[in-house]
Amino acid sequence: MLRISGRWPGESLRLSIEKGAELAFSYVPDDRMKRNLDKLVGGLEGAEDAPCIPCDVQDSEQVEALFAEIGKVWGELDVFVHSISFANRDEITGRYSEISRKGFALAQDVNTYSLIECSRHAAPLMQEAGGGSIITMTYLASERVVPNYAVMSAAKASLESSVRYLAADLGPDNVRVNAISAGRCERSPPAPSRGSWTPGSDGRALAASTQHHS
């Protein structure tokens, strides 16, 4: 499962398809996000028939249904990229001491618990493939004070801790769990980067999208 915040990486997806990857996409049930996804998929040669499945990660039944559908379509999964984040805008840009209990819980639920729950459902599909890779997106604010990132900083710190525990938990099943803090990379012509994934001939990845704040 791959969720990309803000912008979908069209070039990276095209390169993955050229390498033989089969893609599926999940998106937050929202008209704007669905339009953005339709535009992306429609412009990707080889992905026109890719499954596009709505999923609100705050609803456990929807999360379970998402991976059940992937199991029906493919029977296995090679890569799950978790790039899901959400928090209330005023609790991102406001004073840290003014973060509400509800807002703090919301950020933890969407950013961190969603990784735990999605990993729980992705792991069996990866075991069917002989192993797999779970990747999530983090940010330097988990370690340093960054302006206008208040409640998200705690969520990213919690996320990184969960990555370590999930890696220890799922490693014996040949499922890798990692977090990357991706930066801007300008390159011409396109070339492999350290954060890129090069799938094998039967690589299968599921992709999803949400937004950062309300």
Protein backbone atom coordinates (compact mmCIF):
# COMPACT_ATOMS: atom_id res chain seq x y z
CA MET A 1 0.00 0.00 0.00
CA LEU A 2 1.39 3.34 -1.01
CA ARG A 3 -0.01 6.62 0.10
CA ILE A 4 1.61 9.83 -1.07
CA SER A 5 0.81 13.12 0.64
CA GLY A 6 0.06 16.14 -1.49
CA ARG A 7 1.60 15.01 -4.80
CA TRP A 8 1.63 11.58 -6.39
CA PRO A 9 5.09 10.57 -7.71
CA GLY A 10 4.09 10.04 -11.33
CA GLU A 11 7.64 9.54 -12.60
CA SER A 12 8.46 6.97 -9.90
CA LEU A 13 5.27 5.06 -10.63
CA ARG A 14 5.99 5.02 -14.34
CA LEU A 15 9.48 3.65 -13.69
CA SER A 16 8.03 0.97 -11.42
CA ILE A 17 5.56 -0.09 -14.10
CA GLU A 18 8.37 -0.25 -16.66
CA LYS A 19 10.23 -2.60 -14.29
CA GLY A 20 7.23 -4.90 -14.13
CA ALA A 21 5.36 -3.72 -11.04
CA GLU A 22 1.63 -4.19 -10.71
CA LEU A 23 0.03 -1.34 -8.79
CA ALA A 24 -3.12 -0.83 -6.78
CA PHE A 25 -4.22 2.42 -5.17
CA SER A 26 -6.16 3.32 -2.07
CA TYR A 27 -7.42 6.78 -1.24
CA VAL A 28 -9.31 8.55 1.51
CA PRO A 29 -13.03 8.62 0.60
CA ASP A 30 -13.11 12.20 -0.64
CA ASP A 31 -14.22 13.59 -4.01
CA ARG A 32 -11.11 15.75 -4.45
CA MET A 33 -8.74 12.89 -3.67
CA LYS A 34 -10.63 10.59 -6.03
CA ARG A 35 -10.41 13.14 -8.85
CA ASN A 36 -6.66 13.51 -8.26
CA LEU A 37 -6.19 9.75 -8.29
CA ASP A 38 -8.29 9.30 -11.44
CA LYS A 39 -6.16 11.94 -13.17
CA LEU A 40 -2.95 10.20 -12.11
CA VAL A 41 -4.01 6.68 -13.05
CA GLY A 42 -5.46 7.87 -16.35
CA GLY A 43 -2.07 9.27 -17.32
CA LEU A 44 -0.08 6.16 -16.40
CA GLU A 45 0.35 3.74 -19.26
CA GLY A 46 -0.10 0.25 -17.90
CA ALA A 47 -2.03 1.32 -14.81
CA GLU A 48 -5.39 2.11 -16.38
CA ASP A 49 -6.99 -1.00 -14.87
CA ALA A 50 -5.24 -0.78 -11.49
CA PRO A 51 -7.56 -1.35 -8.51
CA CYS A 52 -8.54 1.94 -6.80
CA ILE A 53 -10.05 1.25 -3.39
CA PRO A 54 -11.44 3.84 -0.93
CA CYS A 55 -10.28 3.44 2.67
CA ASP A 56 -10.56 5.57 5.79
CA VAL A 57 -7.80 4.28 8.09
CA GLN A 58 -9.77 5.44 11.14
CA ASP A 59 -12.29 2.72 10.35
CA SER A 60 -10.92 -0.76 11.12
CA GLU A 61 -13.55 -2.44 8.98
CA GLN A 62 -12.46 -0.42 5.95
CA VAL A 63 -8.81 -1.26 6.56
CA GLU A 64 -9.63 -4.96 6.79
CA ALA A 65 -11.77 -4.75 3.65
CA LEU A 66 -8.96 -3.00 1.75
CA PHE A 67 -6.47 -5.79 2.31
CA ALA A 68 -9.12 -8.45 1.81
CA GLU A 69 -9.76 -6.99 -1.64
CA ILE A 70 -6.05 -7.02 -2.44
CA GLY A 71 -5.97 -10.64 -1.33
CA LYS A 72 -8.79 -11.45 -3.75
CA VAL A 73 -7.12 -9.61 -6.65
CA TRP A 74 -3.52 -10.78 -6.18
CA GLY A 75 -3.37 -13.27 -3.33
CA GLU A 76 -0.09 -11.70 -2.18
CA LEU A 77 1.64 -8.36 -1.75
CA ASP A 78 5.29 -7.38 -2.16
CA VAL A 79 5.40 -3.75 -1.05
CA PHE A 80 3.29 -1.53 1.17
CA VAL A 81 4.28 2.15 1.33
CA HIS A 82 2.51 3.89 4.20
CA SER A 83 2.56 7.66 3.68
CA ILE A 84 -0.58 8.56 5.57
CA SER A 85 -0.82 11.69 7.69
CA PHE A 86 -3.52 13.95 9.08
CA ALA A 87 -3.89 16.50 11.87
CA ASN A 88 -5.94 19.56 12.62
CA ARG A 89 -4.35 22.63 11.02
CA ASP A 90 -4.49 24.79 14.17
CA GLU A 91 -2.70 22.08 16.13
CA ILE A 92 0.08 21.96 13.57
CA THR A 93 0.69 25.71 13.46
CA GLY A 94 -0.41 26.66 16.98
CA ARG A 95 1.41 26.55 20.31
CA TYR A 96 2.44 23.07 21.42
CA SER A 97 1.13 23.67 24.94
CA GLU A 98 -2.33 24.36 23.48
CA ILE A 99 -2.72 21.00 21.71
CA SER A 100 -6.01 19.42 22.71
CA ARG A 101 -6.41 15.86 23.95
CA LYS A 102 -8.69 15.11 21.02
CA GLY A 103 -6.31 16.64 18.47
CA PHE A 104 -3.32 14.76 19.88
CA ALA A 105 -5.22 11.48 19.77
CA LEU A 106 -6.35 12.16 16.19
CA ALA A 107 -2.78 12.71 14.98
CA GLN A 108 -1.56 9.54 16.71
CA ASP A 109 -4.45 7.49 15.37
CA VAL A 110 -4.07 8.50 11.72
CA ASN A 111 -0.29 8.76 11.54
CA THR A 112 0.89 5.95 13.81
CA TYR A 113 -1.85 3.48 14.63
CA SER A 114 -2.74 3.23 10.94
CA LEU A 115 0.75 1.84 10.28
CA ILE A 116 0.32 -0.78 12.98
CA GLU A 117 -3.11 -1.86 11.75
CA CYS A 118 -2.22 -1.83 8.06
CA SER A 119 0.97 -3.80 8.75
CA ARG A 120 -1.04 -6.42 10.60
CA HIS A 121 -3.13 -7.02 7.47
CA ALA A 122 -0.31 -6.60 4.95
CA ALA A 123 2.05 -9.09 6.61
CA PRO A 124 0.08 -12.27 5.80
CA LEU A 125 -0.12 -11.24 2.13
CA MET A 126 3.63 -10.65 2.13
CA GLN A 127 4.25 -14.04 3.69
CA GLU A 128 2.36 -15.53 0.74
CA ALA A 129 4.90 -13.78 -1.51
CA GLY A 130 7.84 -15.15 0.48
CA GLY A 131 8.49 -11.82 2.19
CA GLY A 132 7.96 -8.14 1.60
CA SER A 133 8.73 -4.56 2.49
CA ILE A 134 6.73 -2.03 4.51
CA ILE A 135 7.87 1.57 4.14
CA THR A 136 6.55 4.63 5.93
CA MET A 137 7.36 8.34 5.69
CA THR A 138 8.89 10.27 8.57
CA TYR A 139 10.43 13.71 9.04
CA LEU A 140 13.29 15.37 10.92
CA ALA A 141 10.77 17.03 13.26
CA SER A 142 10.63 13.72 15.14
CA GLU A 143 14.06 14.65 16.55
CA ARG A 144 14.26 18.45 16.33
CA VAL A 145 11.96 21.39 16.91
CA VAL A 146 10.58 22.54 13.54
CA PRO A 147 8.28 25.58 13.33
CA ASN A 148 4.67 24.93 12.35
CA TYR A 149 4.85 21.17 12.86
CA ALA A 150 3.62 20.94 16.46
CA VAL A 151 1.32 17.95 16.90
CA MET A 152 2.80 16.19 13.87
CA SER A 153 6.24 16.10 15.49
CA ALA A 154 4.98 13.87 18.30
CA ALA A 155 3.15 11.71 15.78
CA LYS A 156 6.33 11.19 13.74
CA ALA A 157 8.34 10.33 16.86
CA SER A 158 5.70 7.75 17.77
CA LEU A 159 5.72 6.47 14.20
CA GLU A 160 9.48 5.88 14.27
CA SER A 161 9.22 3.98 17.54
CA SER A 162 6.51 1.79 16.03
CA VAL A 163 8.72 1.11 13.00
CA ARG A 164 11.41 -0.33 15.27
CA TYR A 165 8.96 -2.58 17.10
CA LEU A 166 7.24 -3.71 13.91
CA ALA A 167 10.62 -4.50 12.34
CA ALA A 168 11.49 -6.70 15.32
CA ASP A 169 8.04 -8.29 15.29
CA LEU A 170 7.73 -9.01 11.56
CA GLY A 171 11.39 -9.57 10.70
CA PRO A 172 11.27 -13.32 11.46
CA ASP A 173 8.53 -13.55 8.80
CA ASN A 174 10.89 -11.97 6.23
CA VAL A 175 8.91 -8.71 6.28
CA ARG A 176 11.11 -5.61 6.45
CA VAL A 177 9.84 -2.40 8.04
CA ASN A 178 11.61 0.92 7.46
CA ALA A 179 10.97 4.67 7.63
CA ILE A 180 12.45 7.17 5.22
CA SER A 181 12.58 10.95 5.34
CA ALA A 182 12.39 11.79 1.67
CA GLY A 183 13.87 15.00 0.30
CA ARG A 184 13.67 16.86 -2.96
CA CYS A 185 15.68 15.20 -5.70
CA GLU A 186 16.17 16.94 -9.04
CA ARG A 187 17.70 14.74 -11.67
CA SER A 188 17.88 14.62 -15.43
CA PRO A 189 17.92 12.13 -16.98
CA PRO A 190 16.08 9.93 -14.40
CA ALA A 191 18.39 7.73 -12.35
CA PRO A 192 17.88 5.39 -9.37
CA SER A 193 17.90 7.09 -5.97
CA ARG A 194 18.62 5.70 -2.51
CA GLY A 195 14.95 5.88 -1.57
CA SER A 196 13.64 4.18 -4.69
CA TRP A 197 12.23 0.67 -4.89
CA THR A 198 13.07 -1.51 -7.89
CA PRO A 199 10.55 -4.37 -8.07
CA GLY A 200 11.11 -7.74 -9.62
CA SER A 201 9.14 -9.00 -12.59
CA ASP A 202 6.17 -9.87 -10.37
CA GLY A 203 6.34 -6.92 -7.96
CA ARG A 204 2.96 -5.90 -6.57
CA ALA A 205 2.38 -2.69 -4.64
CA LEU A 206 -0.72 -1.03 -3.24
CA ALA A 207 -0.92 2.78 -3.16
CA ALA A 208 -3.10 5.22 -1.16
CA SER A 209 -3.44 8.94 -0.48
CA THR A 210 -4.65 11.30 2.24
CA GLN A 211 -4.04 14.92 3.16
CA HIS A 212 -2.02 16.51 5.97
CA HIS A 213 -4.52 18.73 7.72
CA SER A 214 -8.06 20.04 7.78
